[in-house]
Amino acid sequence: MKRLIASLLLASTTLLAGCDNMARWAYDTAISAETARAGLAEHTLTTADGIDWHYLRSEDAAGKPVVLLVHGFGADSSNWVRMVNELEGQYDFVVPDLPGHGASSREADRDYRIDTQAARLLTLMSALEIDQFHMAGNSMGGHITLATARLAPQRVVSMGLIDAAGITLRTPEFAELSDRSPETNPLIARSPEDMFTVMDWAMADPPYMPDFFVEVMGEKKAANAATADKVWNDLQGESAQPAGPYLESLTTPALILWGAKDRLLGLDNAEIFHEKLPVNELVVFDDIGHVPMAEAPARTADVYDGFWQSVETQRL
């Protein structure tokens, strides 16, 4: 029934694309349907550090292993929904919008450095009364995963590093554009139409969506451009192999997953993680770009399901 409802909603959006307000309504309704289909419910929470969180969490998953999923720069919790749908009922997923993103606190004058975000996530998980958890992050979220495991190794059971920053060796073409000026950074949408460029850089095989869906996404991202600039600037001081000095001290089991067609962070990053992390395995998807969990959700879910089950078995 969930699949049928989602299909009907997607079909009906074609009729609504001509009106901006209706397009936004159709987009939000379709996202809500996909979220429900994945067994996730929306929540809000204000933590003691003053952060207003918007997050998704699995319903009817009490007692299942907890998995914290962390999105990348400029993204939000919706990036994980298709992957979570593949594993509904097997894990208790916590999927927040990071501060500076989505519907969580995103003032342009906050501190968005990696260690700060990691500490905030630990505060969130404590507020949810979750002591130990698996953690997986994409891009910037991968760097935050590393930092969280360093700050609280007793709490992070495993690390999923999906096209992760932390070594952050940018491809030459991405480095040239992102260093030239804020306006040429291909990951920051400043108009609805810019979202097509963002997706072209981020994904080699993006999931189908109507053009007006992409434009609604772009409209939302463009409204947050000033904060995106602040987040990007806060990251730059930590961009030159910031995790390198402590990688070899992280004994938390890690699964590194990389898209060989990543236009932002090439496979050389994965090779360094694979060399330096004491307990890890590396999986490469030859036909996928920077966001495997959105581009290939079933394959990504299958890889991490096996990894998390293995770690859980070793913990018994």
C-alpha atoms as a PDB file:
ATOM      1  CA  MET A   1       0.000   0.000   0.000  1.00  0.00           C
ATOM      2  CA  LYS A   2       2.827   2.449   0.821  1.00  0.00           C
ATOM      3  CA  ARG A   3       4.392   1.815  -2.589  1.00  0.00           C
ATOM      4  CA  LEU A   4       1.037   2.440  -4.321  1.00  0.00           C
ATOM      5  CA  ILE A   5       0.448   5.690  -2.451  1.00  0.00           C
ATOM      6  CA  ALA A   6       3.940   6.929  -3.284  1.00  0.00           C
ATOM      7  CA  SER A   7       3.439   6.067  -6.962  1.00  0.00           C
ATOM      8  CA  LEU A   8       0.096   7.865  -7.095  1.00  0.00           C
ATOM      9  CA  LEU A   9       1.588  10.922  -5.443  1.00  0.00           C
ATOM     10  CA  LEU A  10       4.462  11.013  -7.902  1.00  0.00           C
ATOM     11  CA  ALA A  11       2.112  10.675 -10.844  1.00  0.00           C
ATOM     12  CA  SER A  12      -0.171  13.408  -9.557  1.00  0.00           C
ATOM     13  CA  THR A  13       2.696  15.874  -9.178  1.00  0.00           C
ATOM     14  CA  THR A  14       2.946  16.203 -12.950  1.00  0.00           C
ATOM     15  CA  LEU A  15      -0.454  17.885 -12.919  1.00  0.00           C
ATOM     16  CA  LEU A  16       0.674  20.300 -10.211  1.00  0.00           C
ATOM     17  CA  ALA A  17       3.973  21.425 -11.648  1.00  0.00           C
ATOM     18  CA  GLY A  18       2.606  24.576 -13.273  1.00  0.00           C
ATOM     19  CA  CYS A  19       1.966  26.463 -10.035  1.00  0.00           C
ATOM     20  CA  ASP A  20       4.809  27.327  -7.657  1.00  0.00           C
ATOM     21  CA  ASN A  21       2.750  26.879  -4.502  1.00  0.00           C
ATOM     22  CA  MET A  22       1.294  23.616  -5.708  1.00  0.00           C
ATOM     23  CA  ALA A  23       4.726  22.445  -6.815  1.00  0.00           C
ATOM     24  CA  ARG A  24       6.083  23.041  -3.328  1.00  0.00           C
ATOM     25  CA  TRP A  25       3.084  21.253  -1.833  1.00  0.00           C
ATOM     26  CA  ALA A  26       3.573  18.313  -4.187  1.00  0.00           C
ATOM     27  CA  TYR A  27       7.273  18.127  -3.356  1.00  0.00           C
ATOM     28  CA  ASP A  28       6.708  18.223   0.406  1.00  0.00           C
ATOM     29  CA  THR A  29       3.889  15.670   0.165  1.00  0.00           C
ATOM     30  CA  ALA A  30       5.975  13.278  -1.907  1.00  0.00           C
ATOM     31  CA  ILE A  31       8.930  13.561   0.489  1.00  0.00           C
ATOM     32  CA  SER A  32       6.621  12.882   3.427  1.00  0.00           C
ATOM     33  CA  ALA A  33       5.223   9.822   1.656  1.00  0.00           C
ATOM     34  CA  GLU A  34       8.719   8.472   0.940  1.00  0.00           C
ATOM     35  CA  THR A  35       9.681   9.072   4.568  1.00  0.00           C
ATOM     36  CA  ALA A  36       6.644   7.176   5.844  1.00  0.00           C
ATOM     37  CA  ARG A  37       7.265   4.388   3.354  1.00  0.00           C
ATOM     38  CA  ALA A  38      10.732   3.951   4.887  1.00  0.00           C
ATOM     39  CA  GLY A  39       9.194   3.547   8.339  1.00  0.00           C
ATOM     40  CA  LEU A  40      10.519   6.893   9.519  1.00  0.00           C
ATOM     41  CA  ALA A  41       8.709   9.563  11.493  1.00  0.00           C
ATOM     42  CA  GLU A  42       9.601  13.254  11.787  1.00  0.00           C
ATOM     43  CA  HIS A  43      10.581  14.681  15.160  1.00  0.00           C
ATOM     44  CA  THR A  44      11.856  17.943  16.625  1.00  0.00           C
ATOM     45  CA  LEU A  45      13.890  18.436  19.776  1.00  0.00           C
ATOM     46  CA  THR A  46      15.776  21.297  21.418  1.00  0.00           C
ATOM     47  CA  THR A  47      18.921  20.093  23.177  1.00  0.00           C
ATOM     48  CA  ALA A  48      20.657  21.668  26.154  1.00  0.00           C
ATOM     49  CA  ASP A  49      23.231  23.326  23.891  1.00  0.00           C
ATOM     50  CA  GLY A  50      20.494  25.419  22.271  1.00  0.00           C
ATOM     51  CA  ILE A  51      20.198  23.526  18.977  1.00  0.00           C
ATOM     52  CA  ASP A  52      16.740  23.026  17.497  1.00  0.00           C
ATOM     53  CA  TRP A  53      16.915  19.643  15.802  1.00  0.00           C
ATOM     54  CA  HIS A  54      14.756  18.217  13.065  1.00  0.00           C
ATOM     55  CA  TYR A  55      15.356  14.500  12.695  1.00  0.00           C
ATOM     56  CA  LEU A  56      13.821  11.315  11.355  1.00  0.00           C
ATOM     57  CA  ARG A  57      13.635   8.162  13.432  1.00  0.00           C
ATOM     58  CA  SER A  58      12.480   4.635  12.762  1.00  0.00           C
ATOM     59  CA  GLU A  59       9.084   3.670  14.111  1.00  0.00           C
ATOM     60  CA  ASP A  60       8.448   0.327  15.791  1.00  0.00           C
ATOM     61  CA  ALA A  61      12.191  -0.406  16.044  1.00  0.00           C
ATOM     62  CA  ALA A  62      12.665  -0.571  19.806  1.00  0.00           C
ATOM     63  CA  GLY A  63      15.427  -2.977  20.737  1.00  0.00           C
ATOM     64  CA  LYS A  64      17.025  -2.941  17.288  1.00  0.00           C
ATOM     65  CA  PRO A  65      20.635  -1.777  16.823  1.00  0.00           C
ATOM     66  CA  VAL A  66      20.754   2.012  16.595  1.00  0.00           C
ATOM     67  CA  VAL A  67      22.314   3.588  13.502  1.00  0.00           C
ATOM     68  CA  LEU A  68      23.033   7.327  13.318  1.00  0.00           C
ATOM     69  CA  LEU A  69      23.183   8.556   9.700  1.00  0.00           C
ATOM     70  CA  VAL A  70      24.904  11.877   8.936  1.00  0.00           C
ATOM     71  CA  HIS A  71      24.474  13.705   5.632  1.00  0.00           C
ATOM     72  CA  GLY A  72      27.025  15.812   3.780  1.00  0.00           C
ATOM     73  CA  PHE A  73      27.531  19.506   3.074  1.00  0.00           C
ATOM     74  CA  GLY A  74      24.448  21.248   1.706  1.00  0.00           C
ATOM     75  CA  ALA A  75      22.303  18.139   2.093  1.00  0.00           C
ATOM     76  CA  ASP A  76      19.781  16.998   4.702  1.00  0.00           C
ATOM     77  CA  SER A  77      18.192  13.899   6.205  1.00  0.00           C
ATOM     78  CA  SER A  78      16.207  13.135   3.038  1.00  0.00           C
ATOM     79  CA  ASN A  79      19.403  11.886   1.358  1.00  0.00           C
ATOM     80  CA  TRP A  80      19.153   8.689   3.416  1.00  0.00           C
ATOM     81  CA  VAL A  81      15.472   7.855   3.040  1.00  0.00           C
ATOM     82  CA  ARG A  82      15.767   5.561   0.014  1.00  0.00           C
ATOM     83  CA  MET A  83      18.523   3.512   1.672  1.00  0.00           C
ATOM     84  CA  VAL A  84      16.641   3.290   4.966  1.00  0.00           C
ATOM     85  CA  ASN A  85      13.615   2.014   3.049  1.00  0.00           C
ATOM     86  CA  GLU A  86      15.671  -1.026   2.027  1.00  0.00           C
ATOM     87  CA  LEU A  87      16.313  -1.901   5.695  1.00  0.00           C
ATOM     88  CA  GLU A  88      12.997  -0.951   7.296  1.00  0.00           C
ATOM     89  CA  GLY A  89      12.402  -2.802  10.539  1.00  0.00           C
ATOM     90  CA  GLN A  90      15.959  -4.093  10.902  1.00  0.00           C
ATOM     91  CA  TYR A  91      17.566  -1.084  12.612  1.00  0.00           C
ATOM     92  CA  ASP A  92      16.566   1.899  14.710  1.00  0.00           C
ATOM     93  CA  PHE A  93      17.717   4.704  12.422  1.00  0.00           C
ATOM     94  CA  VAL A  94      18.287   8.243  13.723  1.00  0.00           C
ATOM     95  CA  VAL A  95      18.653  10.636  10.773  1.00  0.00           C
ATOM     96  CA  PRO A  96      19.082  14.302  11.706  1.00  0.00           C
ATOM     97  CA  ASP A  97      19.361  17.480   9.711  1.00  0.00           C
ATOM     98  CA  LEU A  98      22.713  18.800  10.878  1.00  0.00           C
ATOM     99  CA  PRO A  99      22.797  22.337  12.290  1.00  0.00           C
ATOM    100  CA  GLY A 100      23.176  24.679   9.332  1.00  0.00           C
ATOM    101  CA  HIS A 101      21.053  22.414   7.145  1.00  0.00           C
ATOM    102  CA  GLY A 102      17.466  21.379   6.514  1.00  0.00           C
ATOM    103  CA  ALA A 103      14.988  22.301   9.233  1.00  0.00           C
ATOM    104  CA  SER A 104      17.435  22.314  12.152  1.00  0.00           C
ATOM    105  CA  SER A 105      18.992  25.496  13.581  1.00  0.00           C
ATOM    106  CA  ARG A 106      20.808  27.224  10.734  1.00  0.00           C
ATOM    107  CA  GLU A 107      21.746  30.735  11.768  1.00  0.00           C
ATOM    108  CA  ALA A 108      24.570  32.175   9.701  1.00  0.00           C
ATOM    109  CA  ASP A 109      26.635  33.148  12.757  1.00  0.00           C
ATOM    110  CA  ARG A 110      26.912  29.716  14.397  1.00  0.00           C
ATOM    111  CA  ASP A 111      30.052  27.585  14.611  1.00  0.00           C
ATOM    112  CA  TYR A 112      29.853  24.731  12.080  1.00  0.00           C
ATOM    113  CA  ARG A 113      33.307  23.225  12.474  1.00  0.00           C
ATOM    114  CA  ILE A 114      33.651  19.447  12.413  1.00  0.00           C
ATOM    115  CA  ASP A 115      34.405  18.850  16.094  1.00  0.00           C
ATOM    116  CA  THR A 116      31.588  21.214  17.077  1.00  0.00           C
ATOM    117  CA  GLN A 117      29.084  19.282  14.974  1.00  0.00           C
ATOM    118  CA  ALA A 118      30.375  15.985  16.370  1.00  0.00           C
ATOM    119  CA  ALA A 119      29.884  17.225  19.935  1.00  0.00           C
ATOM    120  CA  ARG A 120      26.361  18.370  19.044  1.00  0.00           C
ATOM    121  CA  LEU A 121      25.486  14.925  17.710  1.00  0.00           C
ATOM    122  CA  LEU A 122      26.703  13.333  20.933  1.00  0.00           C
ATOM    123  CA  THR A 123      24.468  15.747  22.851  1.00  0.00           C
ATOM    124  CA  LEU A 124      21.529  14.806  20.615  1.00  0.00           C
ATOM    125  CA  MET A 125      22.072  11.081  21.148  1.00  0.00           C
ATOM    126  CA  SER A 126      22.331  11.617  24.896  1.00  0.00           C
ATOM    127  CA  ALA A 127      19.070  13.574  24.843  1.00  0.00           C
ATOM    128  CA  LEU A 128      17.502  10.591  23.059  1.00  0.00           C
ATOM    129  CA  GLU A 129      18.946   8.345  25.811  1.00  0.00           C
ATOM    130  CA  ILE A 130      21.039   6.406  23.295  1.00  0.00           C
ATOM    131  CA  ASP A 131      24.416   5.427  24.684  1.00  0.00           C
ATOM    132  CA  GLN A 132      25.968   3.309  21.922  1.00  0.00           C
ATOM    133  CA  PHE A 133      25.292   3.361  18.210  1.00  0.00           C
ATOM    134  CA  HIS A 134      26.627   2.576  14.766  1.00  0.00           C
ATOM    135  CA  MET A 135      27.369   5.694  12.741  1.00  0.00           C
ATOM    136  CA  ALA A 136      27.656   6.325   9.018  1.00  0.00           C
ATOM    137  CA  GLY A 137      28.326   9.581   7.224  1.00  0.00           C
ATOM    138  CA  ASN A 138      28.563  10.803   3.662  1.00  0.00           C
ATOM    139  CA  SER A 139      31.148  13.409   2.601  1.00  0.00           C
ATOM    140  CA  MET A 140      31.288  16.024   5.391  1.00  0.00           C
ATOM    141  CA  GLY A 141      29.179  13.596   7.433  1.00  0.00           C
ATOM    142  CA  GLY A 142      31.969  11.037   7.096  1.00  0.00           C
ATOM    143  CA  HIS A 143      34.445  13.494   8.579  1.00  0.00           C
ATOM    144  CA  ILE A 144      32.009  14.167  11.419  1.00  0.00           C
ATOM    145  CA  THR A 145      31.726  10.395  11.934  1.00  0.00           C
ATOM    146  CA  LEU A 146      35.501  10.148  12.350  1.00  0.00           C
ATOM    147  CA  ALA A 147      35.516  13.071  14.779  1.00  0.00           C
ATOM    148  CA  THR A 148      32.669  11.585  16.821  1.00  0.00           C
ATOM    149  CA  ALA A 149      34.478   8.253  17.099  1.00  0.00           C
ATOM    150  CA  ARG A 150      37.596  10.114  18.253  1.00  0.00           C
ATOM    151  CA  LEU A 151      35.651  12.127  20.854  1.00  0.00           C
ATOM    152  CA  ALA A 152      33.616   9.170  22.159  1.00  0.00           C
ATOM    153  CA  PRO A 153      35.149   5.833  21.088  1.00  0.00           C
ATOM    154  CA  GLN A 154      33.173   4.030  23.787  1.00  0.00           C
ATOM    155  CA  ARG A 155      29.889   5.147  22.186  1.00  0.00           C
ATOM    156  CA  VAL A 156      30.487   4.740  18.438  1.00  0.00           C
ATOM    157  CA  VAL A 157      30.253   1.008  17.695  1.00  0.00           C
ATOM    158  CA  SER A 158      31.221   1.215  14.016  1.00  0.00           C
ATOM    159  CA  MET A 159      31.965   3.812  11.351  1.00  0.00           C
ATOM    160  CA  GLY A 160      30.540   3.970   7.849  1.00  0.00           C
ATOM    161  CA  LEU A 161      32.623   6.263   5.652  1.00  0.00           C
ATOM    162  CA  ILE A 162      30.755   6.957   2.413  1.00  0.00           C
ATOM    163  CA  ASP A 163      32.811   9.113   0.029  1.00  0.00           C
ATOM    164  CA  ALA A 164      33.972  10.726   3.237  1.00  0.00           C
ATOM    165  CA  ALA A 165      35.774  13.989   3.800  1.00  0.00           C
ATOM    166  CA  GLY A 166      38.514  14.000   6.424  1.00  0.00           C
ATOM    167  CA  ILE A 167      41.444  13.483   4.103  1.00  0.00           C
ATOM    168  CA  THR A 168      39.616  15.769   1.667  1.00  0.00           C
ATOM    169  CA  LEU A 169      41.763  15.500  -1.437  1.00  0.00           C
ATOM    170  CA  ARG A 170      39.529  17.315  -3.904  1.00  0.00           C
ATOM    171  CA  THR A 171      39.567  16.514  -7.593  1.00  0.00           C
ATOM    172  CA  PRO A 172      41.436  19.204  -9.588  1.00  0.00           C
ATOM    173  CA  GLU A 173      38.285  20.441 -11.336  1.00  0.00           C
ATOM    174  CA  PHE A 174      36.328  20.723  -8.085  1.00  0.00           C
ATOM    175  CA  ALA A 175      39.231  22.417  -6.289  1.00  0.00           C
ATOM    176  CA  GLU A 176      39.593  24.987  -9.062  1.00  0.00           C
ATOM    177  CA  LEU A 177      35.931  26.001  -8.941  1.00  0.00           C
ATOM    178  CA  SER A 178      35.469  25.884  -5.167  1.00  0.00           C
ATOM    179  CA  ASP A 179      38.647  27.921  -4.551  1.00  0.00           C
ATOM    180  CA  ARG A 180      37.961  30.555  -7.208  1.00  0.00           C
ATOM    181  CA  SER A 181      35.093  32.282  -5.377  1.00  0.00           C
ATOM    182  CA  PRO A 182      31.989  31.448  -3.318  1.00  0.00           C
ATOM    183  CA  GLU A 183      29.817  32.097  -6.379  1.00  0.00           C
ATOM    184  CA  THR A 184      31.559  29.389  -8.414  1.00  0.00           C
ATOM    185  CA  ASN A 185      31.328  26.658  -5.761  1.00  0.00           C
ATOM    186  CA  PRO A 186      29.202  24.028  -7.555  1.00  0.00           C
ATOM    187  CA  LEU A 187      27.800  22.681  -4.279  1.00  0.00           C
ATOM    188  CA  ILE A 188      26.063  25.908  -3.212  1.00  0.00           C
ATOM    189  CA  ALA A 189      22.773  26.631  -4.972  1.00  0.00           C
ATOM    190  CA  ARG A 190      22.022  30.344  -5.215  1.00  0.00           C
ATOM    191  CA  SER A 191      18.971  29.960  -7.449  1.00  0.00           C
ATOM    192  CA  PRO A 192      16.461  27.151  -8.061  1.00  0.00           C
ATOM    193  CA  GLU A 193      18.148  26.335 -11.361  1.00  0.00           C
ATOM    194  CA  ASP A 194      21.542  25.904  -9.653  1.00  0.00           C
ATOM    195  CA  MET A 195      20.282  22.657  -8.137  1.00  0.00           C
ATOM    196  CA  PHE A 196      20.725  20.947 -11.503  1.00  0.00           C
ATOM    197  CA  THR A 197      24.429  21.827 -11.331  1.00  0.00           C
ATOM    198  CA  VAL A 198      24.703  20.598  -7.737  1.00  0.00           C
ATOM    199  CA  MET A 199      23.182  17.253  -8.690  1.00  0.00           C
ATOM    200  CA  ASP A 200      25.374  16.937 -11.769  1.00  0.00           C
ATOM    201  CA  TRP A 201      28.494  17.321  -9.628  1.00  0.00           C
ATOM    202  CA  ALA A 202      27.270  15.158  -6.753  1.00  0.00           C
ATOM    203  CA  MET A 203      25.803  12.165  -8.574  1.00  0.00           C
ATOM    204  CA  ALA A 204      26.805  10.046 -11.557  1.00  0.00           C
ATOM    205  CA  ASP A 205      23.473   8.196 -11.545  1.00  0.00           C
ATOM    206  CA  PRO A 206      20.851  10.372  -9.821  1.00  0.00           C
ATOM    207  CA  PRO A 207      17.393   8.936  -9.087  1.00  0.00           C
ATOM    208  CA  TYR A 208      14.663  10.141 -11.405  1.00  0.00           C
ATOM    209  CA  MET A 209      12.654  13.149 -10.291  1.00  0.00           C
ATOM    210  CA  PRO A 210      10.637  15.719 -12.271  1.00  0.00           C
ATOM    211  CA  ASP A 211      12.445  18.952 -13.121  1.00  0.00           C
ATOM    212  CA  PHE A 212      10.166  20.972 -10.895  1.00  0.00           C
ATOM    213  CA  PHE A 213      11.162  18.766  -7.946  1.00  0.00           C
ATOM    214  CA  VAL A 214      14.778  19.739  -8.531  1.00  0.00           C
ATOM    215  CA  GLU A 215      13.790  23.407  -8.749  1.00  0.00           C
ATOM    216  CA  VAL A 216      11.854  23.240  -5.473  1.00  0.00           C
ATOM    217  CA  MET A 217      14.912  21.670  -3.856  1.00  0.00           C
ATOM    218  CA  GLY A 218      17.000  24.467  -5.351  1.00  0.00           C
ATOM    219  CA  GLU A 219      14.641  27.098  -4.020  1.00  0.00           C
ATOM    220  CA  LYS A 220      15.002  25.707  -0.509  1.00  0.00           C
ATOM    221  CA  LYS A 221      18.801  25.477  -0.799  1.00  0.00           C
ATOM    222  CA  ALA A 222      19.110  28.986  -2.270  1.00  0.00           C
ATOM    223  CA  ALA A 223      17.219  30.390   0.714  1.00  0.00           C
ATOM    224  CA  ASN A 224      19.981  28.941   2.914  1.00  0.00           C
ATOM    225  CA  ALA A 225      22.915  30.122   0.769  1.00  0.00           C
ATOM    226  CA  ALA A 226      24.286  32.566   3.361  1.00  0.00           C
ATOM    227  CA  THR A 227      24.469  29.827   5.979  1.00  0.00           C
ATOM    228  CA  ALA A 228      25.933  27.407   3.417  1.00  0.00           C
ATOM    229  CA  ASP A 229      28.705  29.941   2.810  1.00  0.00           C
ATOM    230  CA  LYS A 230      29.381  30.072   6.571  1.00  0.00           C
ATOM    231  CA  VAL A 231      29.444  26.280   6.858  1.00  0.00           C
ATOM    232  CA  TRP A 232      31.835  26.052   3.908  1.00  0.00           C
ATOM    233  CA  ASN A 233      34.136  28.706   5.370  1.00  0.00           C
ATOM    234  CA  ASP A 234      34.165  26.951   8.760  1.00  0.00           C
ATOM    235  CA  LEU A 235      35.241  23.741   7.046  1.00  0.00           C
ATOM    236  CA  GLN A 236      38.162  25.217   5.145  1.00  0.00           C
ATOM    237  CA  GLY A 237      40.531  25.447   8.095  1.00  0.00           C
ATOM    238  CA  GLU A 238      40.055  21.728   8.605  1.00  0.00           C
ATOM    239  CA  SER A 239      40.249  20.635   4.984  1.00  0.00           C
ATOM    240  CA  ALA A 240      43.936  19.702   4.602  1.00  0.00           C
ATOM    241  CA  GLN A 241      44.062  16.109   5.851  1.00  0.00           C
ATOM    242  CA  PRO A 242      42.618  17.064   9.264  1.00  0.00           C
ATOM    243  CA  ALA A 243      41.839  13.486  10.260  1.00  0.00           C
ATOM    244  CA  GLY A 244      45.225  12.197   9.149  1.00  0.00           C
ATOM    245  CA  PRO A 245      47.047  12.593  12.490  1.00  0.00           C
ATOM    246  CA  TYR A 246      44.517  10.478  14.408  1.00  0.00           C
ATOM    247  CA  LEU A 247      43.333   7.901  11.861  1.00  0.00           C
ATOM    248  CA  GLU A 248      45.778   5.249  13.036  1.00  0.00           C
ATOM    249  CA  SER A 249      44.514   5.596  16.617  1.00  0.00           C
ATOM    250  CA  LEU A 250      40.874   4.852  15.710  1.00  0.00           C
ATOM    251  CA  THR A 251      40.245   1.189  16.458  1.00  0.00           C
ATOM    252  CA  THR A 252      36.507   1.433  15.749  1.00  0.00           C
ATOM    253  CA  PRO A 253      35.629  -0.956  12.878  1.00  0.00           C
ATOM    254  CA  ALA A 254      35.059   0.947   9.631  1.00  0.00           C
ATOM    255  CA  LEU A 255      33.485   0.170   6.279  1.00  0.00           C
ATOM    256  CA  ILE A 256      34.687   2.552   3.564  1.00  0.00           C
ATOM    257  CA  LEU A 257      32.369   2.816   0.562  1.00  0.00           C
ATOM    258  CA  TRP A 258      33.331   4.909  -2.459  1.00  0.00           C
ATOM    259  CA  GLY A 259      31.861   5.782  -5.826  1.00  0.00           C
ATOM    260  CA  ALA A 260      34.568   5.521  -8.481  1.00  0.00           C
ATOM    261  CA  LYS A 261      32.891   8.317 -10.463  1.00  0.00           C
ATOM    262  CA  ASP A 262      33.046  10.799  -7.576  1.00  0.00           C
ATOM    263  CA  ARG A 263      33.757  14.229  -9.137  1.00  0.00           C
ATOM    264  CA  LEU A 264      34.415  15.843  -5.744  1.00  0.00           C
ATOM    265  CA  LEU A 265      36.607  13.493  -3.672  1.00  0.00           C
ATOM    266  CA  GLY A 266      38.477  10.910  -5.712  1.00  0.00           C
ATOM    267  CA  LEU A 267      39.428   7.333  -4.883  1.00  0.00           C
ATOM    268  CA  ASP A 268      42.806   8.486  -3.578  1.00  0.00           C
ATOM    269  CA  ASN A 269      40.959   9.514  -0.412  1.00  0.00           C
ATOM    270  CA  ALA A 270      39.555   6.005   0.021  1.00  0.00           C
ATOM    271  CA  GLU A 271      42.970   4.467  -0.433  1.00  0.00           C
ATOM    272  CA  ILE A 272      44.436   6.585   2.385  1.00  0.00           C
ATOM    273  CA  PHE A 273      41.573   5.686   4.724  1.00  0.00           C
ATOM    274  CA  HIS A 274      42.058   2.028   3.817  1.00  0.00           C
ATOM    275  CA  GLU A 275      45.779   2.264   4.525  1.00  0.00           C
ATOM    276  CA  LYS A 276      45.589   4.228   7.782  1.00  0.00           C
ATOM    277  CA  LEU A 277      42.531   2.948   9.674  1.00  0.00           C
ATOM    278  CA  PRO A 278      43.473  -0.090  11.784  1.00  0.00           C
ATOM    279  CA  VAL A 279      40.213  -2.071  11.293  1.00  0.00           C
ATOM    280  CA  ASN A 280      38.497  -1.479   7.977  1.00  0.00           C
ATOM    281  CA  GLU A 281      37.306  -2.840   4.674  1.00  0.00           C
ATOM    282  CA  LEU A 282      36.903  -0.978   1.378  1.00  0.00           C
ATOM    283  CA  VAL A 283      34.103  -1.371  -1.171  1.00  0.00           C
ATOM    284  CA  VAL A 284      34.072   0.541  -4.470  1.00  0.00           C
ATOM    285  CA  PHE A 285      31.029   1.018  -6.727  1.00  0.00           C
ATOM    286  CA  ASP A 286      32.454   1.532 -10.216  1.00  0.00           C
ATOM    287  CA  ASP A 287      29.412   3.265 -11.717  1.00  0.00           C
ATOM    288  CA  ILE A 288      28.428   5.594  -8.860  1.00  0.00           C
ATOM    289  CA  GLY A 289      29.346   9.151  -7.848  1.00  0.00           C
ATOM    290  CA  HIS A 290      29.626  10.998  -4.543  1.00  0.00           C
ATOM    291  CA  VAL A 291      26.301   9.950  -2.946  1.00  0.00           C
ATOM    292  CA  PRO A 292      25.976   6.143  -3.136  1.00  0.00           C
ATOM    293  CA  MET A 293      23.119   5.875  -0.636  1.00  0.00           C
ATOM    294  CA  ALA A 294      20.942   8.047  -2.915  1.00  0.00           C
ATOM    295  CA  GLU A 295      22.261   6.754  -6.243  1.00  0.00           C
ATOM    296  CA  ALA A 296      22.368   3.043  -5.370  1.00  0.00           C
ATOM    297  CA  PRO A 297      20.295   2.670  -2.192  1.00  0.00           C
ATOM    298  CA  ALA A 298      19.730  -1.094  -2.400  1.00  0.00           C
ATOM    299  CA  ARG A 299      23.390  -1.886  -2.999  1.00  0.00           C
ATOM    300  CA  THR A 300      24.516   0.515  -0.279  1.00  0.00           C
ATOM    301  CA  ALA A 301      21.998  -0.946   2.162  1.00  0.00           C
ATOM    302  CA  ASP A 302      23.152  -4.488   1.361  1.00  0.00           C
ATOM    303  CA  VAL A 303      26.814  -3.622   1.985  1.00  0.00           C
ATOM    304  CA  TYR A 304      26.153  -1.904   5.305  1.00  0.00           C
ATOM    305  CA  ASP A 305      23.605  -4.444   6.491  1.00  0.00           C
ATOM    306  CA  GLY A 306      26.258  -7.146   6.220  1.00  0.00           C
ATOM    307  CA  PHE A 307      28.808  -4.941   7.975  1.00  0.00           C
ATOM    308  CA  TRP A 308      26.510  -3.961  10.855  1.00  0.00           C
ATOM    309  CA  GLN A 309      25.378  -7.556  11.362  1.00  0.00           C
ATOM    310  CA  SER A 310      29.004  -8.677  11.489  1.00  0.00           C
ATOM    311  CA  VAL A 311      29.883  -6.036  14.087  1.00  0.00           C
ATOM    312  CA  GLU A 312      26.824  -6.919  16.152  1.00  0.00           C
ATOM    313  CA  THR A 313      27.782 -10.597  16.098  1.00  0.00           C
ATOM    314  CA  GLN A 314      31.294  -9.777  17.303  1.00  0.00           C
ATOM    315  CA  ARG A 315      29.866  -7.729  20.162  1.00  0.00           C
ATOM    316  CA  LEU A 316      27.875 -10.700  21.549  1.00  0.00           C
END
